[in-house]
Amino acid sequence: MQRRQLLIATGVAAATRSLPVLAAEAYLERSITLIVPYGAGGPTDTHIRAVAEAAGKLLGQPMVIDNRAGANGVNAAAALAQSRTAADGYTLGILPASVYREPHMQKASFDPRKSFSYIALLSDYAFGLAVRADAPYKSWADFAAAARKQPGKLNVGATGALGTPRIVMDEIADMAGLQYNVVPYKGDAELATALLGGHIDAAPLSGIAVPHIEAGKLRYLAMLTPERIKRYPQLPTLREAGVNAWIDSPYGVAGPAGMDAARVQKLSTAFQQALSSPASLQALEQLNQPLNYLDPKAYQAYALQSFAREEARVAKLRQRGLLS
């Protein structure tokens, strides 16, 4: 993954410095609307704005951000599904991982298998299991030992009552044979505040933890990523500790189903290059996130695999009584 990211970054860095306009095409006659299913000013919005600005310059038309927060991050997906008759490339949206789970949980206005034209996967949140800097746990082994010694006593916060971090923390407890309480929070900011205030014992946190770690207020026990990350190369993953679980929560750009293949590819190329623009790379560095581009074909394949995986996850939630 790191080698692929290096090749992408070095291969297009020179081009994105000057951001040359891609070859003109008839449909690029006005601005493109990009629906972001999160509030303005948040971590994801910050990165998307940097990418959208660079992509707009490459395409010769601006990208206008339309923030639609709420609904578990699926507002963009719903809007794209409703605009299938206008699959002209002027309305795009950001799809988070919750899009693949929502149709299995309740009736949804979209189907990830046929409602979208997948354009480009962009990045993935890099989560780590965070604790306060003065916590007695120095490693995952310490935390697991404390949980075994005091079953049901430790509190682990997680964003979303049925969000990916919450589900994965439940899966980790099952795999490791632990009993701890998973406490849901509305968002990462609220969750970080609760951890800093000592209201919970640990929490899976993404890039929002970085400034607190650098300030000496928090630290990671282990990364909840498939592999070690560049920013903290000495920090082991939970997989290395024998618990084969991680938080897979990427986001990408899609349009309504039925978009012209040439337009999809043109947009994908622009987003690929925009990902390596200085502003995008700076945002990813601050958020502790990888550049994780996938082209349309690979992105669609990933989406279909994720949709199938989430079906199994939701079935388990129902078995446990967490879903009706």
Protein backbone atom coordinates (compact mmCIF):
# COMPACT_ATOMS: atom_id res chain seq x y z
CA MET A 1 0.00 0.00 0.00
CA GLN A 2 2.79 2.45 0.90
CA ARG A 3 4.65 1.65 -2.33
CA ARG A 4 1.51 2.23 -4.37
CA GLN A 5 0.87 5.53 -2.64
CA LEU A 6 4.47 6.62 -3.24
CA LEU A 7 4.24 5.80 -6.94
CA ILE A 8 0.97 7.69 -7.27
CA ALA A 9 2.28 10.71 -5.40
CA THR A 10 5.59 10.96 -7.23
CA GLY A 11 4.09 10.17 -10.61
CA VAL A 12 1.61 13.05 -10.59
CA ALA A 13 3.11 15.53 -8.16
CA ALA A 14 4.71 17.62 -10.88
CA ALA A 15 1.47 17.79 -12.81
CA THR A 16 -0.63 18.84 -9.85
CA ARG A 17 1.71 21.68 -8.90
CA SER A 18 0.59 23.60 -11.96
CA LEU A 19 -2.77 21.79 -12.22
CA PRO A 20 -3.10 21.85 -16.02
CA VAL A 21 -6.63 21.74 -17.35
CA LEU A 22 -7.56 18.33 -18.75
CA ALA A 23 -8.69 18.06 -22.35
CA ALA A 24 -11.98 19.91 -22.84
CA GLU A 25 -15.19 17.94 -23.21
CA ALA A 26 -18.62 19.23 -24.14
CA TYR A 27 -20.30 18.36 -20.84
CA LEU A 28 -17.94 20.52 -18.78
CA GLU A 29 -19.89 23.71 -19.40
CA ARG A 30 -20.74 24.63 -15.80
CA SER A 31 -19.80 23.94 -12.20
CA ILE A 32 -20.05 20.47 -10.65
CA THR A 33 -21.93 19.96 -7.37
CA LEU A 34 -20.23 17.61 -4.88
CA ILE A 35 -22.48 16.50 -2.03
CA VAL A 36 -20.59 15.92 1.22
CA PRO A 37 -22.64 14.04 3.87
CA TYR A 38 -20.88 15.76 6.77
CA GLY A 39 -20.92 19.25 8.24
CA ALA A 40 -18.68 22.05 7.01
CA GLY A 41 -15.36 22.39 8.82
CA GLY A 42 -15.06 18.76 9.92
CA PRO A 43 -12.08 16.51 9.11
CA THR A 44 -13.66 14.85 6.07
CA ASP A 45 -15.02 18.13 4.75
CA THR A 46 -11.57 19.73 5.09
CA HIS A 47 -9.93 17.05 2.96
CA ILE A 48 -12.73 16.92 0.40
CA ARG A 49 -12.59 20.69 -0.13
CA ALA A 50 -8.87 20.51 -0.87
CA VAL A 51 -9.40 17.67 -3.35
CA ALA A 52 -12.43 19.31 -4.96
CA GLU A 53 -10.61 22.58 -5.51
CA ALA A 54 -7.69 20.83 -7.19
CA ALA A 55 -9.96 18.59 -9.28
CA GLY A 56 -11.98 21.60 -10.39
CA LYS A 57 -8.85 23.33 -11.66
CA LEU A 58 -7.85 20.21 -13.55
CA LEU A 59 -11.29 19.97 -15.15
CA GLY A 60 -11.59 23.67 -15.90
CA GLN A 61 -14.82 24.02 -13.91
CA PRO A 62 -15.27 24.66 -10.17
CA MET A 63 -16.68 22.06 -7.81
CA VAL A 64 -19.28 23.45 -5.43
CA ILE A 65 -19.53 21.70 -2.06
CA ASP A 66 -23.04 20.93 -0.81
CA ASN A 67 -22.87 19.86 2.85
CA ARG A 68 -25.74 17.59 3.97
CA ALA A 69 -24.92 16.23 7.41
CA GLY A 70 -26.91 13.63 9.33
CA ALA A 71 -28.72 10.40 8.44
CA ASN A 72 -25.68 8.30 9.34
CA GLY A 73 -23.72 9.78 6.44
CA VAL A 74 -25.99 8.50 3.66
CA ASN A 75 -27.56 11.77 2.49
CA ALA A 76 -25.28 11.99 -0.54
CA ALA A 77 -26.13 8.41 -1.52
CA ALA A 78 -29.86 9.11 -1.27
CA ALA A 79 -29.53 12.26 -3.35
CA LEU A 80 -27.55 10.50 -6.07
CA ALA A 81 -30.06 7.67 -6.26
CA GLN A 82 -32.88 10.18 -6.72
CA SER A 83 -31.04 11.97 -9.55
CA ARG A 84 -30.56 8.93 -11.79
CA THR A 85 -32.39 10.68 -14.63
CA ALA A 86 -29.70 13.38 -14.57
CA ALA A 87 -26.59 11.19 -14.65
CA ASP A 88 -24.70 13.82 -16.60
CA GLY A 89 -21.67 14.25 -14.36
CA TYR A 90 -22.73 17.56 -12.81
CA THR A 91 -23.94 16.02 -9.51
CA LEU A 92 -21.51 13.86 -7.55
CA GLY A 93 -21.38 12.73 -3.94
CA ILE A 94 -19.08 11.36 -1.25
CA LEU A 95 -19.93 7.82 -0.17
CA PRO A 96 -18.77 6.73 3.32
CA ALA A 97 -18.68 3.13 4.53
CA SER A 98 -22.13 3.45 6.13
CA VAL A 99 -23.64 3.39 2.63
CA TYR A 100 -22.93 -0.35 2.36
CA ARG A 101 -24.62 -1.15 5.69
CA GLU A 102 -27.71 1.07 5.64
CA PRO A 103 -29.80 -0.99 3.15
CA HIS A 104 -29.34 -4.09 5.33
CA MET A 105 -30.54 -2.24 8.44
CA GLN A 106 -33.63 -0.54 7.09
CA LYS A 107 -35.43 0.35 3.88
CA ALA A 108 -33.19 2.66 1.86
CA SER A 109 -33.73 4.70 -1.28
CA PHE A 110 -30.52 3.35 -2.80
CA ASP A 111 -28.82 0.04 -3.56
CA PRO A 112 -24.99 0.11 -3.67
CA ARG A 113 -25.06 -2.61 -6.31
CA LYS A 114 -26.95 -0.56 -8.90
CA SER A 115 -27.61 3.03 -7.75
CA PHE A 116 -24.17 4.54 -8.38
CA SER A 117 -21.45 5.13 -10.92
CA TYR A 118 -18.30 4.59 -8.87
CA ILE A 119 -15.63 7.15 -9.77
CA ALA A 120 -12.73 7.13 -7.32
CA LEU A 121 -11.99 5.88 -3.82
CA LEU A 122 -10.04 8.62 -2.06
CA SER A 123 -8.89 7.80 1.46
CA ASP A 124 -9.54 5.80 4.61
CA TYR A 125 -9.66 6.86 8.24
CA ALA A 126 -6.73 5.54 10.27
CA PHE A 127 -8.15 4.58 13.67
CA GLY A 128 -6.20 3.72 16.78
CA LEU A 129 -7.38 2.65 20.22
CA ALA A 130 -6.76 5.77 22.29
CA VAL A 131 -6.50 6.28 26.04
CA ARG A 132 -5.55 9.24 28.21
CA ALA A 133 -1.84 9.77 28.59
CA ASP A 134 -2.08 9.07 32.33
CA ALA A 135 -4.03 5.82 31.88
CA PRO A 136 -2.45 2.74 33.51
CA TYR A 137 -2.54 0.81 30.22
CA LYS A 138 0.68 1.00 28.20
CA SER A 139 -0.33 -1.50 25.52
CA TRP A 140 -3.26 -3.48 24.19
CA ALA A 141 -2.12 -6.40 26.34
CA ASP A 142 -2.43 -4.22 29.46
CA PHE A 143 -5.91 -3.07 28.49
CA ALA A 144 -7.06 -6.61 27.68
CA ALA A 145 -5.69 -7.87 31.01
CA ALA A 146 -7.59 -5.16 32.89
CA ALA A 147 -10.79 -6.00 31.01
CA ARG A 148 -10.42 -9.68 31.89
CA LYS A 149 -9.77 -8.84 35.53
CA GLN A 150 -12.82 -6.55 35.70
CA PRO A 151 -15.38 -7.92 33.22
CA GLY A 152 -18.05 -5.37 32.34
CA LYS A 153 -16.33 -2.54 34.23
CA LEU A 154 -14.33 -0.73 31.51
CA ASN A 155 -16.11 1.71 29.21
CA VAL A 156 -15.10 2.08 25.56
CA GLY A 157 -16.62 4.96 23.63
CA ALA A 158 -17.38 4.73 19.90
CA THR A 159 -18.96 7.01 17.34
CA GLY A 160 -22.46 5.98 16.28
CA ALA A 161 -24.84 3.55 17.90
CA LEU A 162 -24.38 1.23 14.92
CA GLY A 163 -21.40 2.83 13.19
CA THR A 164 -18.35 0.94 12.00
CA PRO A 165 -16.18 1.78 15.06
CA ARG A 166 -18.93 0.52 17.40
CA ILE A 167 -19.40 -2.69 15.43
CA VAL A 168 -15.66 -3.38 15.26
CA MET A 169 -15.18 -2.80 18.99
CA ASP A 170 -17.92 -5.38 19.63
CA GLU A 171 -16.20 -7.77 17.23
CA ILE A 172 -12.89 -7.23 19.03
CA ALA A 173 -14.50 -8.08 22.36
CA ASP A 174 -15.87 -11.32 20.91
CA MET A 175 -12.55 -12.30 19.31
CA ALA A 176 -10.50 -11.53 22.40
CA GLY A 177 -13.01 -12.96 24.87
CA LEU A 178 -13.44 -9.63 26.68
CA GLN A 179 -16.38 -7.93 28.35
CA TYR A 180 -16.45 -4.14 28.26
CA ASN A 181 -19.20 -1.59 27.77
CA VAL A 182 -19.35 0.15 24.38
CA VAL A 183 -20.80 3.63 24.85
CA PRO A 184 -22.08 5.40 21.69
CA TYR A 185 -21.32 9.06 20.96
CA LYS A 186 -22.66 11.31 18.22
CA GLY A 187 -19.30 12.27 16.74
CA ASP A 188 -15.52 12.14 17.07
CA ALA A 189 -15.28 15.57 18.71
CA GLU A 190 -17.72 14.60 21.47
CA LEU A 191 -15.98 11.25 21.86
CA ALA A 192 -12.52 12.82 22.19
CA THR A 193 -13.85 15.26 24.79
CA ALA A 194 -15.33 12.39 26.81
CA LEU A 195 -12.04 10.51 26.72
CA LEU A 196 -10.01 13.57 27.71
CA GLY A 197 -12.44 14.20 30.56
CA GLY A 198 -12.05 10.68 31.92
CA HIS A 199 -15.69 9.73 31.29
CA ILE A 200 -14.62 6.62 29.36
CA ASP A 201 -11.53 4.44 29.53
CA ALA A 202 -10.68 4.11 25.85
CA ALA A 203 -11.99 4.93 22.38
CA PRO A 204 -11.21 4.20 18.74
CA LEU A 205 -10.21 7.60 17.34
CA SER A 206 -9.03 8.63 13.89
CA GLY A 207 -7.12 11.80 12.98
CA ILE A 208 -8.87 13.88 15.63
CA ALA A 209 -6.59 12.20 18.20
CA VAL A 210 -3.35 13.39 16.58
CA PRO A 211 -3.17 16.92 18.07
CA HIS A 212 -4.05 15.54 21.51
CA ILE A 213 -1.35 12.88 21.17
CA GLU A 214 1.20 15.48 20.13
CA ALA A 215 0.14 17.64 23.10
CA GLY A 216 0.80 14.71 25.45
CA LYS A 217 -2.84 14.32 26.48
CA LEU A 218 -3.69 11.05 24.70
CA ARG A 219 -1.83 8.05 23.30
CA TYR A 220 -2.64 5.07 21.16
CA LEU A 221 -2.37 1.54 22.55
CA ALA A 222 -2.58 -0.07 19.12
CA MET A 223 -3.56 0.87 15.59
CA LEU A 224 -6.90 -0.40 14.33
CA THR A 225 -5.56 -0.57 10.78
CA PRO A 226 -4.55 -3.56 8.62
CA GLU A 227 -0.87 -2.51 8.72
CA ARG A 228 1.32 -0.14 10.70
CA ILE A 229 1.07 3.46 9.61
CA LYS A 230 3.70 5.95 8.51
CA ARG A 231 3.09 8.49 11.27
CA TYR A 232 3.59 5.98 14.12
CA PRO A 233 5.78 3.22 12.66
CA GLN A 234 6.68 1.78 16.07
CA LEU A 235 3.05 1.36 17.09
CA PRO A 236 1.81 -2.22 16.50
CA THR A 237 -1.57 -3.04 15.05
CA LEU A 238 -4.18 -5.05 16.90
CA ARG A 239 -3.68 -7.78 14.28
CA GLU A 240 -0.09 -8.13 15.47
CA ALA A 241 -1.45 -8.74 18.95
CA GLY A 242 -3.45 -11.68 17.64
CA VAL A 243 -6.84 -10.00 17.20
CA ASN A 244 -7.63 -10.04 13.48
CA ALA A 245 -9.85 -6.96 13.39
CA TRP A 246 -9.53 -3.42 12.11
CA ILE A 247 -11.76 -0.49 11.23
CA ASP A 248 -12.20 -0.30 7.48
CA SER A 249 -13.97 3.01 6.81
CA PRO A 250 -13.01 4.57 3.47
CA TYR A 251 -14.80 7.23 1.45
CA GLY A 252 -14.91 7.97 -2.25
CA VAL A 253 -16.64 9.86 -5.02
CA ALA A 254 -19.58 8.53 -7.03
CA GLY A 255 -22.26 9.77 -9.35
CA PRO A 256 -25.75 8.51 -10.21
CA ALA A 257 -26.02 5.19 -12.02
CA GLY A 258 -25.83 5.35 -15.79
CA MET A 259 -23.08 7.92 -16.22
CA ASP A 260 -21.14 7.83 -19.47
CA ALA A 261 -18.03 5.68 -19.03
CA ALA A 262 -15.75 8.26 -20.61
CA ARG A 263 -16.98 10.94 -18.22
CA VAL A 264 -16.50 8.61 -15.26
CA GLN A 265 -12.92 7.94 -16.31
CA LYS A 266 -12.21 11.64 -16.90
CA LEU A 267 -13.47 12.50 -13.44
CA SER A 268 -11.57 9.61 -11.88
CA THR A 269 -8.30 10.79 -13.44
CA ALA A 270 -8.91 14.31 -12.15
CA PHE A 271 -9.58 13.07 -8.62
CA GLN A 272 -6.54 10.80 -8.73
CA GLN A 273 -4.30 13.74 -9.59
CA ALA A 274 -6.07 16.07 -7.16
CA LEU A 275 -5.38 13.61 -4.32
CA SER A 276 -1.67 14.33 -4.76
CA SER A 277 -2.07 18.11 -4.81
CA PRO A 278 -0.15 19.89 -2.03
CA ALA A 279 -3.34 20.91 -0.20
CA SER A 280 -4.72 17.36 -0.25
CA LEU A 281 -1.46 15.81 0.93
CA GLN A 282 -1.23 18.38 3.72
CA ALA A 283 -4.77 17.61 4.86
CA LEU A 284 -4.09 13.87 4.81
CA GLU A 285 -0.93 14.39 6.85
CA GLN A 286 -2.82 16.41 9.45
CA LEU A 287 -5.61 13.83 9.61
CA ASN A 288 -3.20 10.88 9.70
CA GLN A 289 -4.90 9.31 6.67
CA PRO A 290 -3.50 7.43 3.68
CA LEU A 291 -3.90 8.31 0.03
CA ASN A 292 -5.99 5.33 -1.05
CA TYR A 293 -7.05 5.84 -4.66
CA LEU A 294 -8.98 3.16 -6.51
CA ASP A 295 -10.09 3.52 -10.13
CA PRO A 296 -13.76 3.02 -11.13
CA LYS A 297 -13.52 -0.72 -11.73
CA ALA A 298 -11.60 -1.46 -8.53
CA TYR A 299 -13.80 0.90 -6.51
CA GLN A 300 -16.96 -0.82 -7.70
CA ALA A 301 -15.51 -4.23 -6.86
CA TYR A 302 -14.64 -2.98 -3.37
CA ALA A 303 -18.18 -1.61 -2.93
CA LEU A 304 -19.79 -4.92 -3.88
CA GLN A 305 -17.52 -6.83 -1.48
CA SER A 306 -18.29 -4.37 1.32
CA PHE A 307 -22.04 -4.63 0.70
CA ALA A 308 -21.87 -8.41 1.07
CA ARG A 309 -19.72 -8.18 4.21
CA GLU A 310 -22.08 -5.70 5.87
CA GLU A 311 -25.02 -8.04 5.29
CA ALA A 312 -23.29 -10.64 7.48
CA ARG A 313 -22.46 -8.01 10.09
CA VAL A 314 -26.04 -6.79 10.32
CA ALA A 315 -27.29 -10.37 10.64
CA LYS A 316 -25.09 -10.77 13.71
CA LEU A 317 -26.39 -7.50 15.18
CA ARG A 318 -29.93 -8.82 14.85
CA GLN A 319 -28.95 -12.08 16.50
CA ARG A 320 -27.65 -10.08 19.46
CA GLY A 321 -30.84 -8.04 19.66
CA LEU A 322 -29.22 -4.76 18.67
CA LEU A 323 -31.48 -4.48 15.62
CA SER A 324 -35.14 -5.38 15.21
